[in-house]
Amino acid sequence: MIIYGIKTCGSVRKAIKFCNENNIDFTFHDFRKEPLSDDKMEYFVSKVDINLLFNNKGTKYRDLKLKELNLGDDGKLQWLKKENMLLKRPVIEYGTNKVLCAFDEEVYKKEFL
């Protein structure tokens, strides 16, 4: 399992805490320090609806004034590739080709316990 996010994100911290409390092994990938490749972003989009991955409520979205651009799916993907901070966090890659986005304790219990 790989948890993608940033250390200062509350939802990422909750996911890490959940894994630690339930003895789930994981690797943490801080995409602020090591940006995700275009291929990885396309992989995520192939597994999870881009509207779930694309964080249109965050500071970065507002700072970049992306609402004014009225982005479609292709535009959102291009922005995700340029600016990883637009990802809704955390993104978890696990099992055989499975990807989860955001923290939801009930979903985590179903998937991981």
N, C-alpha and C. Protein backbone atom coordinates (compact mmCIF):
# COMPACT_ATOMS: atom_id res chain seq x y z
N MET A 1 0.84 -1.17 0.00
CA MET A 1 0.00 0.00 0.00
C MET A 1 0.89 1.24 0.00
N ILE A 2 0.50 2.21 -0.81
CA ILE A 2 1.21 3.49 -0.84
C ILE A 2 0.18 4.58 -0.56
N ILE A 3 0.50 5.44 0.39
CA ILE A 3 -0.34 6.59 0.69
C ILE A 3 0.34 7.81 0.08
N TYR A 4 -0.37 8.48 -0.83
CA TYR A 4 0.14 9.70 -1.47
C TYR A 4 -0.51 10.90 -0.82
N GLY A 5 0.30 11.88 -0.48
CA GLY A 5 -0.25 13.08 0.12
C GLY A 5 0.87 13.99 0.59
N ILE A 6 0.51 14.85 1.54
CA ILE A 6 1.49 15.73 2.17
C ILE A 6 1.33 15.59 3.68
N LYS A 7 2.42 15.74 4.40
CA LYS A 7 2.41 15.49 5.85
C LYS A 7 1.54 16.46 6.63
N THR A 8 1.31 17.64 6.11
CA THR A 8 0.55 18.64 6.86
C THR A 8 -0.97 18.53 6.67
N CYS A 9 -1.41 17.60 5.83
CA CYS A 9 -2.84 17.45 5.53
C CYS A 9 -3.52 16.61 6.62
N GLY A 10 -4.60 17.13 7.18
CA GLY A 10 -5.33 16.42 8.23
C GLY A 10 -5.87 15.07 7.78
N SER A 11 -6.39 15.00 6.57
CA SER A 11 -6.93 13.73 6.06
C SER A 11 -5.83 12.70 5.86
N VAL A 12 -4.68 13.14 5.43
CA VAL A 12 -3.54 12.23 5.27
C VAL A 12 -3.11 11.72 6.65
N ARG A 13 -3.07 12.60 7.62
CA ARG A 13 -2.70 12.17 8.98
C ARG A 13 -3.70 11.15 9.52
N LYS A 14 -4.99 11.35 9.23
CA LYS A 14 -6.01 10.38 9.67
C LYS A 14 -5.80 9.02 9.02
N ALA A 15 -5.47 9.01 7.73
CA ALA A 15 -5.22 7.76 7.02
C ALA A 15 -4.01 7.04 7.60
N ILE A 16 -2.95 7.77 7.87
CA ILE A 16 -1.74 7.18 8.45
C ILE A 16 -2.04 6.63 9.84
N LYS A 17 -2.78 7.40 10.62
CA LYS A 17 -3.15 6.95 11.98
C LYS A 17 -3.98 5.67 11.90
N PHE A 18 -4.94 5.62 10.98
CA PHE A 18 -5.78 4.43 10.79
C PHE A 18 -4.90 3.22 10.48
N CYS A 19 -3.96 3.38 9.57
CA CYS A 19 -3.08 2.28 9.19
C CYS A 19 -2.20 1.84 10.37
N ASN A 20 -1.65 2.80 11.08
CA ASN A 20 -0.80 2.47 12.22
C ASN A 20 -1.59 1.74 13.31
N GLU A 21 -2.79 2.23 13.62
CA GLU A 21 -3.61 1.61 14.67
C GLU A 21 -4.08 0.21 14.29
N ASN A 22 -4.16 -0.07 13.00
CA ASN A 22 -4.64 -1.37 12.54
C ASN A 22 -3.53 -2.26 11.97
N ASN A 23 -2.28 -1.88 12.27
CA ASN A 23 -1.10 -2.65 11.84
C ASN A 23 -1.10 -2.94 10.34
N ILE A 24 -1.41 -1.92 9.55
CA ILE A 24 -1.40 -2.03 8.10
C ILE A 24 -0.10 -1.42 7.59
N ASP A 25 0.69 -2.22 6.89
CA ASP A 25 1.96 -1.73 6.35
C ASP A 25 1.69 -0.80 5.17
N PHE A 26 2.42 0.29 5.11
CA PHE A 26 2.28 1.23 4.00
C PHE A 26 3.58 1.99 3.80
N THR A 27 3.69 2.57 2.62
CA THR A 27 4.77 3.49 2.29
C THR A 27 4.11 4.85 2.08
N PHE A 28 4.75 5.90 2.59
CA PHE A 28 4.21 7.24 2.40
C PHE A 28 4.98 7.95 1.30
N HIS A 29 4.25 8.52 0.35
CA HIS A 29 4.86 9.28 -0.74
C HIS A 29 4.41 10.73 -0.61
N ASP A 30 5.33 11.60 -0.23
CA ASP A 30 5.03 13.03 -0.09
C ASP A 30 5.21 13.68 -1.46
N PHE A 31 4.10 14.01 -2.11
CA PHE A 31 4.23 14.55 -3.46
C PHE A 31 4.59 16.02 -3.49
N ARG A 32 4.71 16.63 -2.33
CA ARG A 32 5.28 17.97 -2.30
C ARG A 32 6.78 17.88 -2.51
N LYS A 33 7.40 16.83 -1.95
CA LYS A 33 8.84 16.63 -2.08
C LYS A 33 9.21 15.92 -3.37
N GLU A 34 8.35 14.98 -3.79
CA GLU A 34 8.62 14.20 -5.00
C GLU A 34 7.34 14.16 -5.84
N PRO A 35 7.19 15.11 -6.77
CA PRO A 35 5.97 15.19 -7.58
C PRO A 35 5.67 13.89 -8.33
N LEU A 36 4.39 13.65 -8.54
CA LEU A 36 3.95 12.45 -9.25
C LEU A 36 4.18 12.60 -10.75
N SER A 37 4.47 11.49 -11.39
CA SER A 37 4.68 11.50 -12.84
C SER A 37 3.34 11.66 -13.55
N ASP A 38 3.40 12.09 -14.80
CA ASP A 38 2.19 12.18 -15.62
C ASP A 38 1.53 10.81 -15.75
N ASP A 39 2.34 9.77 -15.89
CA ASP A 39 1.81 8.41 -16.01
C ASP A 39 1.04 8.00 -14.75
N LYS A 40 1.58 8.35 -13.58
CA LYS A 40 0.91 8.01 -12.32
C LYS A 40 -0.43 8.74 -12.23
N MET A 41 -0.45 10.00 -12.63
CA MET A 41 -1.69 10.77 -12.58
C MET A 41 -2.73 10.17 -13.53
N GLU A 42 -2.29 9.77 -14.72
CA GLU A 42 -3.22 9.14 -15.68
C GLU A 42 -3.72 7.81 -15.14
N TYR A 43 -2.87 7.09 -14.44
CA TYR A 43 -3.27 5.83 -13.82
C TYR A 43 -4.37 6.08 -12.78
N PHE A 44 -4.16 7.07 -11.91
CA PHE A 44 -5.17 7.41 -10.90
C PHE A 44 -6.51 7.72 -11.56
N VAL A 45 -6.46 8.53 -12.62
CA VAL A 45 -7.69 8.94 -13.32
C VAL A 45 -8.36 7.74 -14.00
N SER A 46 -7.58 6.74 -14.36
CA SER A 46 -8.17 5.54 -14.96
C SER A 46 -8.89 4.68 -13.92
N LYS A 47 -8.58 4.90 -12.64
CA LYS A 47 -9.15 4.09 -11.56
C LYS A 47 -10.23 4.81 -10.75
N VAL A 48 -10.13 6.15 -10.68
CA VAL A 48 -11.04 6.95 -9.86
C VAL A 48 -11.55 8.12 -10.70
N ASP A 49 -12.83 8.42 -10.59
CA ASP A 49 -13.42 9.55 -11.31
C ASP A 49 -12.60 10.82 -11.06
N ILE A 50 -12.27 11.51 -12.12
CA ILE A 50 -11.44 12.71 -11.98
C ILE A 50 -12.10 13.76 -11.08
N ASN A 51 -13.41 13.77 -11.03
CA ASN A 51 -14.10 14.73 -10.17
C ASN A 51 -13.94 14.41 -8.70
N LEU A 52 -13.60 13.17 -8.37
CA LEU A 52 -13.27 12.81 -6.99
C LEU A 52 -11.81 13.15 -6.68
N LEU A 53 -10.94 13.00 -7.67
CA LEU A 53 -9.51 13.27 -7.48
C LEU A 53 -9.20 14.76 -7.45
N PHE A 54 -9.93 15.53 -8.22
CA PHE A 54 -9.63 16.95 -8.40
C PHE A 54 -10.27 17.75 -7.26
N ASN A 55 -9.43 18.39 -6.45
CA ASN A 55 -9.91 19.13 -5.28
C ASN A 55 -10.26 20.56 -5.67
N ASN A 56 -11.54 20.78 -5.86
CA ASN A 56 -11.97 22.14 -6.22
C ASN A 56 -12.43 22.94 -5.01
N LYS A 57 -12.04 22.48 -3.82
CA LYS A 57 -12.38 23.20 -2.60
C LYS A 57 -11.14 23.75 -1.88
N GLY A 58 -9.98 23.38 -2.37
CA GLY A 58 -8.75 23.72 -1.67
C GLY A 58 -8.19 25.09 -1.99
N THR A 59 -7.20 25.45 -1.20
CA THR A 59 -6.53 26.74 -1.33
C THR A 59 -5.87 26.89 -2.70
N LYS A 60 -5.20 25.84 -3.17
CA LYS A 60 -4.48 25.91 -4.44
C LYS A 60 -5.47 26.20 -5.58
N TYR A 61 -6.62 25.57 -5.55
CA TYR A 61 -7.66 25.78 -6.57
C TYR A 61 -8.09 27.25 -6.59
N ARG A 62 -8.30 27.80 -5.41
CA ARG A 62 -8.70 29.21 -5.31
C ARG A 62 -7.57 30.14 -5.73
N ASP A 63 -6.35 29.84 -5.27
CA ASP A 63 -5.20 30.69 -5.60
C ASP A 63 -4.96 30.76 -7.11
N LEU A 64 -5.17 29.64 -7.79
CA LEU A 64 -4.95 29.59 -9.23
C LEU A 64 -6.15 30.11 -10.03
N LYS A 65 -7.24 30.45 -9.31
CA LYS A 65 -8.46 30.97 -9.95
C LYS A 65 -8.98 30.02 -11.05
N LEU A 66 -8.97 28.73 -10.74
CA LEU A 66 -9.37 27.73 -11.73
C LEU A 66 -10.87 27.68 -11.95
N LYS A 67 -11.65 28.16 -10.99
CA LYS A 67 -13.10 28.15 -11.16
C LYS A 67 -13.50 28.95 -12.40
N GLU A 68 -12.79 30.04 -12.62
CA GLU A 68 -13.08 30.91 -13.76
C GLU A 68 -12.85 30.21 -15.10
N LEU A 69 -12.02 29.16 -15.12
CA LEU A 69 -11.69 28.47 -16.37
C LEU A 69 -12.74 27.44 -16.76
N ASN A 70 -13.63 27.08 -15.80
CA ASN A 70 -14.69 26.11 -16.08
C ASN A 70 -14.13 24.86 -16.76
N LEU A 71 -13.19 24.20 -16.09
CA LEU A 71 -12.43 23.09 -16.67
C LEU A 71 -13.27 21.84 -16.91
N GLY A 72 -13.03 21.19 -18.04
CA GLY A 72 -13.58 19.87 -18.31
C GLY A 72 -12.61 18.82 -17.79
N ASP A 73 -12.90 17.55 -18.04
CA ASP A 73 -12.06 16.48 -17.52
C ASP A 73 -10.62 16.56 -18.03
N ASP A 74 -10.44 16.87 -19.32
CA ASP A 74 -9.08 16.98 -19.86
C ASP A 74 -8.31 18.12 -19.22
N GLY A 75 -8.99 19.23 -19.02
CA GLY A 75 -8.36 20.38 -18.38
C GLY A 75 -7.96 20.08 -16.95
N LYS A 76 -8.83 19.38 -16.24
CA LYS A 76 -8.52 19.00 -14.85
C LYS A 76 -7.30 18.09 -14.81
N LEU A 77 -7.24 17.12 -15.73
CA LEU A 77 -6.09 16.22 -15.77
C LEU A 77 -4.80 16.98 -16.05
N GLN A 78 -4.84 17.93 -16.98
CA GLN A 78 -3.65 18.72 -17.29
C GLN A 78 -3.18 19.51 -16.06
N TRP A 79 -4.14 20.08 -15.31
CA TRP A 79 -3.78 20.82 -14.10
C TRP A 79 -3.24 19.90 -13.01
N LEU A 80 -3.82 18.70 -12.86
CA LEU A 80 -3.32 17.75 -11.87
C LEU A 80 -1.87 17.37 -12.17
N LYS A 81 -1.56 17.21 -13.45
CA LYS A 81 -0.19 16.88 -13.85
C LYS A 81 0.77 18.02 -13.52
N LYS A 82 0.32 19.25 -13.67
CA LYS A 82 1.18 20.42 -13.41
C LYS A 82 1.28 20.72 -11.92
N GLU A 83 0.18 20.48 -11.19
CA GLU A 83 0.10 20.92 -9.81
C GLU A 83 -0.53 19.82 -8.94
N ASN A 84 0.34 18.98 -8.35
CA ASN A 84 -0.13 17.86 -7.54
C ASN A 84 -0.98 18.29 -6.34
N MET A 85 -0.80 19.52 -5.89
CA MET A 85 -1.56 20.00 -4.73
C MET A 85 -3.06 20.11 -5.03
N LEU A 86 -3.44 19.94 -6.28
CA LEU A 86 -4.86 19.94 -6.64
C LEU A 86 -5.51 18.57 -6.41
N LEU A 87 -4.73 17.56 -6.02
CA LEU A 87 -5.28 16.24 -5.71
C LEU A 87 -6.01 16.28 -4.38
N LYS A 88 -7.16 15.65 -4.35
CA LYS A 88 -7.84 15.44 -3.08
C LYS A 88 -7.05 14.37 -2.34
N ARG A 89 -6.77 14.61 -1.09
CA ARG A 89 -5.86 13.74 -0.35
C ARG A 89 -6.60 12.97 0.75
N PRO A 90 -6.01 11.82 1.12
CA PRO A 90 -4.92 11.12 0.48
C PRO A 90 -5.41 10.29 -0.71
N VAL A 91 -4.48 9.90 -1.55
CA VAL A 91 -4.76 8.91 -2.60
C VAL A 91 -4.00 7.67 -2.15
N ILE A 92 -4.71 6.54 -2.12
CA ILE A 92 -4.11 5.29 -1.67
C ILE A 92 -4.14 4.28 -2.80
N GLU A 93 -2.96 3.73 -3.08
CA GLU A 93 -2.82 2.69 -4.09
C GLU A 93 -2.57 1.38 -3.34
N TYR A 94 -3.40 0.36 -3.61
CA TYR A 94 -3.30 -0.87 -2.84
C TYR A 94 -3.79 -2.06 -3.66
N GLY A 95 -3.53 -3.25 -3.12
CA GLY A 95 -4.01 -4.47 -3.77
C GLY A 95 -3.52 -4.56 -5.20
N THR A 96 -4.33 -5.21 -6.01
CA THR A 96 -4.00 -5.34 -7.43
C THR A 96 -4.76 -4.27 -8.19
N ASN A 97 -4.07 -3.19 -8.51
CA ASN A 97 -4.66 -2.11 -9.31
C ASN A 97 -5.86 -1.44 -8.67
N LYS A 98 -5.81 -1.18 -7.37
CA LYS A 98 -6.91 -0.47 -6.71
C LYS A 98 -6.42 0.88 -6.22
N VAL A 99 -7.31 1.87 -6.31
CA VAL A 99 -6.99 3.23 -5.87
C VAL A 99 -8.19 3.79 -5.12
N LEU A 100 -7.91 4.39 -3.96
CA LEU A 100 -8.93 5.08 -3.17
C LEU A 100 -8.52 6.53 -3.03
N CYS A 101 -9.51 7.41 -2.95
CA CYS A 101 -9.23 8.83 -2.80
C CYS A 101 -10.00 9.38 -1.62
N ALA A 102 -9.36 10.21 -0.81
CA ALA A 102 -9.92 10.88 0.36
C ALA A 102 -9.98 9.92 1.55
N PHE A 103 -10.24 10.47 2.73
CA PHE A 103 -10.31 9.64 3.94
C PHE A 103 -11.77 9.43 4.32
N ASP A 104 -12.14 8.16 4.44
CA ASP A 104 -13.46 7.78 4.92
C ASP A 104 -13.26 6.52 5.75
N GLU A 105 -13.36 6.66 7.06
CA GLU A 105 -13.04 5.55 7.95
C GLU A 105 -13.86 4.30 7.66
N GLU A 106 -15.14 4.46 7.34
CA GLU A 106 -15.98 3.30 7.06
C GLU A 106 -15.50 2.55 5.80
N VAL A 107 -15.16 3.31 4.77
CA VAL A 107 -14.63 2.69 3.54
C VAL A 107 -13.31 1.99 3.85
N TYR A 108 -12.46 2.63 4.64
CA TYR A 108 -11.17 2.04 4.98
C TYR A 108 -11.38 0.72 5.74
N LYS A 109 -12.32 0.70 6.68
CA LYS A 109 -12.59 -0.53 7.43
C LYS A 109 -13.02 -1.65 6.49
N LYS A 110 -13.90 -1.33 5.54
CA LYS A 110 -14.38 -2.33 4.59
C LYS A 110 -13.26 -2.85 3.70
N GLU A 111 -12.41 -1.93 3.22
CA GLU A 111 -11.37 -2.30 2.27
C GLU A 111 -10.14 -2.95 2.91
N PHE A 112 -9.77 -2.50 4.10
CA PHE A 112 -8.47 -2.87 4.64
C PHE A 112 -8.51 -3.80 5.85
N LEU A 113 -9.67 -3.96 6.48
CA LEU A 113 -9.72 -4.81 7.69
C LEU A 113 -10.40 -6.13 7.44
